[in-house]
Amino acid sequence: MTWLKITTAAAAISMLATPAFAQSNWNTPTEPFHIAGNIYYVGTEGLGAYLFTGPKGHVLLDGATPQGAPIIEANIAKLGFKLSDVKILLNSHAHFDHSGGLAQLKKDTGAQLAVMDGDVSAIEGGFYLGSEDSKTMGAPPVKVDRVLKDGDKVTLEGIALTANLTPGHSRGCTSWGAKATEAGKTYDVLVFCSATVAANRITPPLQYAGIVEDYRSTFVKAKRLKADIPLAPHPEFFGLLEKKAKAKAEKSAAPFVDPAALPALIDKLQADFEKTLKERTAH
């Protein structure tokens, strides 16, 4: 990934993470596609959602917006999978553009919802932590069935995901790790949550207590996480839709294999965070 691409992606991510800058493509349908192994993209053009498939049921990660939920459901069906076979719902973080569709998806699938403990109050309360009075930043509340801790495993037959707590962007921001085997090779897959400042207050009054320390811990931790195939809640993070076009043309998962992408992005996001913190502290 070139520096220009990283810069452009980071700028796009910053806007995409903020309700005031909601993008028109958030609720735009796009064709679902196979990534590698048992992992499929079922999100919208601007909001990622991932289906992990297995012989005894599937796991769905992220719910986009309320308007995006039916798009995700339609994409699952387009791939030939049954909505009723989705047994577990997961979330990357409790922001309306990724948690907004969870209530509808849970109702329609009957799946159990597992969420990192730091985000449970926001998911069940339907609010953006620290901005509870902002209705535009809220989401339909939904009951959490399993509260997760850092390092917890979520499994079904043929599916194994690890919940890596990477807080800051939200208090329970979770980067999900998995393995994917494609063409005889096994890859480390990571759906990186986020580490942009976006709408968060990182100077007093803080969005939540400890937010600055959380961001910094995430930058350190993310540099240790392996991501042969990096994915994200917004496809723009890693140029996923562009990679999809190459993968389709080459009839190969190779374009999704990009182990240098996550470290490069983390370096950029860390620099942006420290710059923003310094600028806000000076005012």
Protein backbone atom coordinates (compact mmCIF):
# COMPACT_ATOMS: atom_id res chain seq x y z
CA MET A 1 0.00 0.00 0.00
CA THR A 2 1.50 3.32 -1.03
CA TRP A 3 1.73 6.35 1.28
CA LEU A 4 -0.77 8.18 -0.95
CA LYS A 5 -3.23 5.33 -0.66
CA ILE A 6 -2.76 5.20 3.11
CA THR A 7 -3.31 8.94 3.44
CA THR A 8 -6.40 8.86 1.24
CA ALA A 9 -7.81 5.87 3.10
CA ALA A 10 -7.20 7.42 6.50
CA ALA A 11 -8.92 10.63 5.45
CA ALA A 12 -11.88 8.69 4.14
CA ILE A 13 -12.06 6.61 7.31
CA SER A 14 -12.11 9.71 9.50
CA MET A 15 -15.13 11.04 7.68
CA LEU A 16 -16.84 7.68 7.38
CA ALA A 17 -16.69 7.15 11.11
CA THR A 18 -18.60 10.35 11.89
CA PRO A 19 -22.43 10.49 11.62
CA ALA A 20 -22.34 14.10 10.41
CA PHE A 21 -20.39 12.90 7.39
CA ALA A 22 -22.51 9.84 6.67
CA GLN A 23 -21.66 8.66 3.19
CA SER A 24 -24.21 8.03 0.47
CA ASN A 25 -22.70 4.60 -0.24
CA TRP A 26 -23.28 3.33 3.30
CA ASN A 27 -26.68 1.96 2.27
CA THR A 28 -25.81 1.23 -1.36
CA PRO A 29 -26.08 -2.46 -2.26
CA THR A 30 -23.03 -4.20 -3.68
CA GLU A 31 -22.51 -7.76 -4.82
CA PRO A 32 -21.34 -10.14 -2.10
CA PHE A 33 -18.12 -12.02 -2.78
CA HIS A 34 -15.81 -14.73 -1.55
CA ILE A 35 -12.60 -13.57 0.14
CA ALA A 36 -10.77 -16.73 1.20
CA GLY A 37 -11.55 -20.03 2.87
CA ASN A 38 -14.93 -19.81 4.55
CA ILE A 39 -15.04 -15.99 4.65
CA TYR A 40 -17.40 -13.88 2.53
CA TYR A 41 -18.12 -10.17 2.20
CA VAL A 42 -21.85 -9.50 2.62
CA GLY A 43 -21.83 -5.79 3.44
CA THR A 44 -22.84 -2.69 1.54
CA GLU A 45 -20.68 -0.61 -0.76
CA GLY A 46 -19.49 1.51 2.16
CA LEU A 47 -19.95 -0.67 5.25
CA GLY A 48 -18.30 -4.03 5.77
CA ALA A 49 -20.05 -7.14 7.04
CA TYR A 50 -18.47 -10.59 6.97
CA LEU A 51 -19.96 -14.07 6.93
CA PHE A 52 -17.92 -16.95 8.34
CA THR A 53 -19.50 -20.20 7.19
CA GLY A 54 -19.48 -23.67 8.70
CA PRO A 55 -21.28 -27.02 8.35
CA LYS A 56 -23.35 -26.46 11.52
CA GLY A 57 -24.09 -22.77 11.06
CA HIS A 58 -22.56 -19.41 10.33
CA VAL A 59 -21.19 -16.37 12.14
CA LEU A 60 -22.01 -12.84 10.95
CA LEU A 61 -19.75 -9.94 11.89
CA ASP A 62 -21.31 -6.43 11.91
CA GLY A 63 -24.74 -5.17 11.00
CA ALA A 64 -24.16 -1.89 9.13
CA THR A 65 -27.00 0.65 9.58
CA PRO A 66 -30.68 -0.21 10.09
CA GLN A 67 -31.13 0.41 6.36
CA GLY A 68 -28.17 -1.84 5.61
CA ALA A 69 -29.54 -4.89 7.44
CA PRO A 70 -31.84 -6.01 4.59
CA ILE A 71 -28.95 -5.58 2.15
CA ILE A 72 -26.83 -7.91 4.28
CA GLU A 73 -29.68 -10.41 4.44
CA ALA A 74 -30.14 -10.29 0.67
CA ASN A 75 -26.40 -10.78 0.14
CA ILE A 76 -26.34 -13.85 2.36
CA ALA A 77 -29.14 -15.32 0.28
CA LYS A 78 -27.39 -14.41 -2.99
CA LEU A 79 -24.41 -16.49 -1.90
CA GLY A 80 -26.71 -19.46 -1.41
CA PHE A 81 -26.72 -19.45 2.39
CA LYS A 82 -29.79 -19.52 4.60
CA LEU A 83 -30.41 -16.63 6.97
CA SER A 84 -31.71 -19.11 9.54
CA ASP A 85 -28.28 -20.78 9.56
CA VAL A 86 -26.66 -17.65 11.03
CA LYS A 87 -26.22 -18.75 14.65
CA ILE A 88 -23.95 -16.05 16.07
CA LEU A 89 -23.81 -12.28 15.56
CA LEU A 90 -20.67 -10.28 16.34
CA ASN A 91 -19.83 -6.58 16.30
CA SER A 92 -16.60 -4.70 15.67
CA HIS A 93 -17.70 -1.65 17.65
CA ALA A 94 -20.79 0.05 19.03
CA HIS A 95 -21.22 2.85 16.48
CA PHE A 96 -24.49 3.19 14.59
CA ASP A 97 -22.94 2.47 11.18
CA HIS A 98 -21.81 -0.98 12.36
CA SER A 99 -24.31 -1.84 15.09
CA GLY A 100 -27.43 -0.20 13.66
CA GLY A 101 -28.62 -3.31 11.84
CA LEU A 102 -27.93 -5.81 14.63
CA ALA A 103 -31.41 -5.62 16.17
CA GLN A 104 -33.09 -6.50 12.87
CA LEU A 105 -30.53 -9.16 12.04
CA LYS A 106 -30.93 -10.78 15.44
CA LYS A 107 -34.70 -10.80 15.07
CA ASP A 108 -34.59 -12.28 11.57
CA THR A 109 -31.92 -14.91 12.24
CA GLY A 110 -32.61 -15.85 15.85
CA ALA A 111 -28.84 -15.73 16.38
CA GLN A 112 -27.07 -15.10 19.68
CA LEU A 113 -25.25 -11.75 19.94
CA ALA A 114 -21.76 -11.66 21.46
CA VAL A 115 -20.19 -8.26 22.27
CA MET A 116 -17.01 -7.08 24.03
CA ASP A 117 -17.79 -5.93 27.57
CA GLY A 118 -16.74 -2.31 26.97
CA ASP A 119 -19.42 -1.89 24.30
CA VAL A 120 -22.29 -3.78 25.93
CA SER A 121 -23.88 -0.70 27.56
CA ALA A 122 -23.91 1.16 24.23
CA ILE A 123 -25.30 -1.81 22.29
CA GLU A 124 -28.06 -2.50 24.79
CA GLY A 125 -28.77 1.20 25.40
CA GLY A 126 -28.72 2.16 21.72
CA PHE A 127 -26.38 5.11 22.25
CA TYR A 128 -22.88 6.35 21.37
CA LEU A 129 -20.91 6.16 24.61
CA GLY A 130 -20.12 9.67 25.84
CA SER A 131 -22.65 11.25 23.45
CA GLU A 132 -25.78 9.65 24.85
CA ASP A 133 -27.93 12.72 24.13
CA SER A 134 -27.14 12.68 20.41
CA LYS A 135 -30.03 10.86 18.76
CA THR A 136 -28.34 10.98 15.35
CA MET A 137 -25.51 8.88 16.75
CA GLY A 138 -27.80 6.31 18.33
CA ALA A 139 -28.83 2.88 17.09
CA PRO A 140 -31.71 0.49 17.76
CA PRO A 141 -30.96 -1.18 21.12
CA VAL A 142 -30.43 -4.92 21.15
CA LYS A 143 -29.94 -7.49 23.94
CA VAL A 144 -26.47 -8.98 24.27
CA ASP A 145 -26.42 -12.73 24.93
CA ARG A 146 -22.70 -13.21 25.60
CA VAL A 147 -20.32 -10.67 27.11
CA LEU A 148 -16.78 -11.06 25.80
CA LYS A 149 -13.38 -10.38 27.31
CA ASP A 150 -10.10 -9.77 25.50
CA GLY A 151 -8.84 -13.02 23.99
CA ASP A 152 -12.14 -14.88 24.14
CA LYS A 153 -12.91 -17.40 21.40
CA VAL A 154 -16.12 -17.64 19.43
CA THR A 155 -16.52 -21.02 17.78
CA LEU A 156 -18.87 -23.16 15.74
CA GLU A 157 -17.89 -26.30 13.87
CA GLY A 158 -15.38 -25.20 11.23
CA ILE A 159 -15.26 -21.63 12.57
CA ALA A 160 -12.92 -20.13 15.17
CA LEU A 161 -12.65 -16.40 15.86
CA THR A 162 -10.56 -14.59 18.48
CA ALA A 163 -11.79 -11.35 20.05
CA ASN A 164 -8.86 -8.92 20.31
CA LEU A 165 -9.74 -5.86 22.39
CA THR A 166 -8.37 -2.78 20.55
CA PRO A 167 -10.10 0.10 22.36
CA GLY A 168 -10.13 3.83 21.71
CA HIS A 169 -12.38 4.28 18.71
CA SER A 170 -14.96 2.73 21.02
CA ARG A 171 -14.44 1.40 24.54
CA GLY A 172 -14.98 -2.19 23.39
CA CYS A 173 -13.58 -1.90 19.87
CA THR A 174 -12.85 -5.49 18.83
CA SER A 175 -10.51 -6.71 16.09
CA TRP A 176 -11.49 -10.22 15.10
CA GLY A 177 -8.82 -12.77 14.22
CA ALA A 178 -9.36 -15.95 12.21
CA LYS A 179 -7.63 -18.39 9.87
CA ALA A 180 -8.49 -18.98 6.24
CA THR A 181 -7.17 -21.78 4.05
CA GLU A 182 -7.15 -21.14 0.32
CA ALA A 183 -5.38 -23.08 -2.45
CA GLY A 184 -3.46 -25.11 0.11
CA LYS A 185 -2.20 -22.10 2.07
CA THR A 186 -3.40 -20.95 5.49
CA TYR A 187 -3.58 -17.23 6.18
CA ASP A 188 -4.03 -15.12 9.29
CA VAL A 189 -7.10 -12.94 8.80
CA LEU A 190 -7.84 -9.88 10.93
CA VAL A 191 -10.92 -7.68 10.77
CA PHE A 192 -9.31 -4.59 12.30
CA CYS A 193 -11.86 -2.53 14.25
CA SER A 194 -10.55 1.05 13.84
CA ALA A 195 -8.23 3.55 15.51
CA THR A 196 -9.39 6.87 14.10
CA VAL A 197 -10.30 9.78 16.36
CA ALA A 198 -13.34 10.66 14.25
CA ALA A 199 -16.14 12.03 16.47
CA ASN A 200 -14.39 11.18 19.73
CA ARG A 201 -13.29 13.76 22.31
CA ILE A 202 -9.71 12.99 23.31
CA THR A 203 -9.29 16.12 25.45
CA PRO A 204 -11.56 17.10 28.36
CA PRO A 205 -14.42 16.46 28.50
CA LEU A 206 -13.22 13.03 27.39
CA GLN A 207 -15.51 10.75 25.40
CA TYR A 208 -14.92 8.21 28.14
CA ALA A 209 -12.37 7.88 30.94
CA GLY A 210 -9.06 6.43 29.78
CA ILE A 211 -9.66 6.96 26.07
CA VAL A 212 -6.19 8.37 25.33
CA GLU A 213 -4.47 5.47 27.06
CA ASP A 214 -6.76 3.08 25.19
CA TYR A 215 -5.78 4.46 21.80
CA ARG A 216 -2.10 4.22 22.63
CA SER A 217 -2.43 0.66 23.89
CA THR A 218 -4.19 -0.26 20.66
CA PHE A 219 -1.40 1.13 18.49
CA VAL A 220 1.08 -1.03 20.40
CA LYS A 221 -1.10 -4.13 20.30
CA ALA A 222 -2.12 -3.77 16.65
CA LYS A 223 1.53 -3.82 15.60
CA ARG A 224 1.80 -7.31 17.13
CA LEU A 225 -1.29 -8.70 15.41
CA LYS A 226 -0.80 -10.72 12.23
CA ALA A 227 -2.92 -9.93 9.22
CA ASP A 228 -1.98 -11.70 6.01
CA ILE A 229 -5.48 -10.77 4.87
CA PRO A 230 -6.51 -7.46 6.49
CA LEU A 231 -10.21 -6.61 6.55
CA ALA A 232 -12.16 -3.82 8.23
CA PRO A 233 -15.63 -2.43 9.04
CA HIS A 234 -15.18 0.01 6.15
CA PRO A 235 -13.90 -1.52 2.90
CA GLU A 236 -11.94 1.70 2.30
CA PHE A 237 -9.50 0.77 5.08
CA PHE A 238 -7.71 -1.68 2.83
CA GLY A 239 -9.13 -1.04 -0.65
CA LEU A 240 -11.23 -4.17 -0.38
CA LEU A 241 -13.58 -3.54 -3.29
CA GLU A 242 -10.64 -2.78 -5.58
CA LYS A 243 -9.00 -6.02 -4.45
CA LYS A 244 -12.27 -7.81 -5.16
CA ALA A 245 -12.12 -6.74 -8.81
CA LYS A 246 -8.56 -8.04 -9.12
CA ALA A 247 -9.45 -11.28 -7.37
CA LYS A 248 -12.35 -11.82 -9.75
CA ALA A 249 -10.20 -11.15 -12.80
CA GLU A 250 -7.42 -13.43 -11.56
CA LYS A 251 -9.80 -16.06 -10.16
CA SER A 252 -7.63 -16.08 -7.06
CA ALA A 253 -7.63 -14.86 -3.46
CA ALA A 254 -4.09 -13.55 -3.90
CA PRO A 255 -5.10 -9.86 -4.22
CA PHE A 256 -6.55 -10.00 -0.69
CA VAL A 257 -3.20 -11.12 0.72
CA ASP A 258 -1.54 -7.89 1.86
CA PRO A 259 0.51 -8.40 5.06
CA ALA A 260 2.16 -4.96 4.91
CA ALA A 261 -1.14 -3.08 4.83
CA LEU A 262 -2.07 -3.23 8.52
CA PRO A 263 1.33 -2.09 9.92
CA ALA A 264 1.43 0.78 7.44
CA LEU A 265 -2.07 1.91 8.35
CA ILE A 266 -1.40 1.68 12.09
CA ASP A 267 1.71 3.85 11.73
CA LYS A 268 -0.34 6.46 9.89
CA LEU A 269 -3.24 6.36 12.34
CA GLN A 270 -0.89 6.62 15.31
CA ALA A 271 0.80 9.68 13.82
CA ASP A 272 -2.59 11.24 13.08
CA PHE A 273 -3.77 10.56 16.64
CA GLU A 274 -0.75 12.16 18.28
CA LYS A 275 -0.96 15.15 15.95
CA THR A 276 -4.66 15.63 16.68
CA LEU A 277 -4.10 15.28 20.43
CA LYS A 278 -1.33 17.86 20.36
CA GLU A 279 -3.42 20.30 18.33
CA ARG A 280 -6.47 19.92 20.58
CA THR A 281 -4.38 20.20 23.75
CA ALA A 282 -2.90 23.47 22.49
CA HIS A 283 -6.33 25.11 22.17
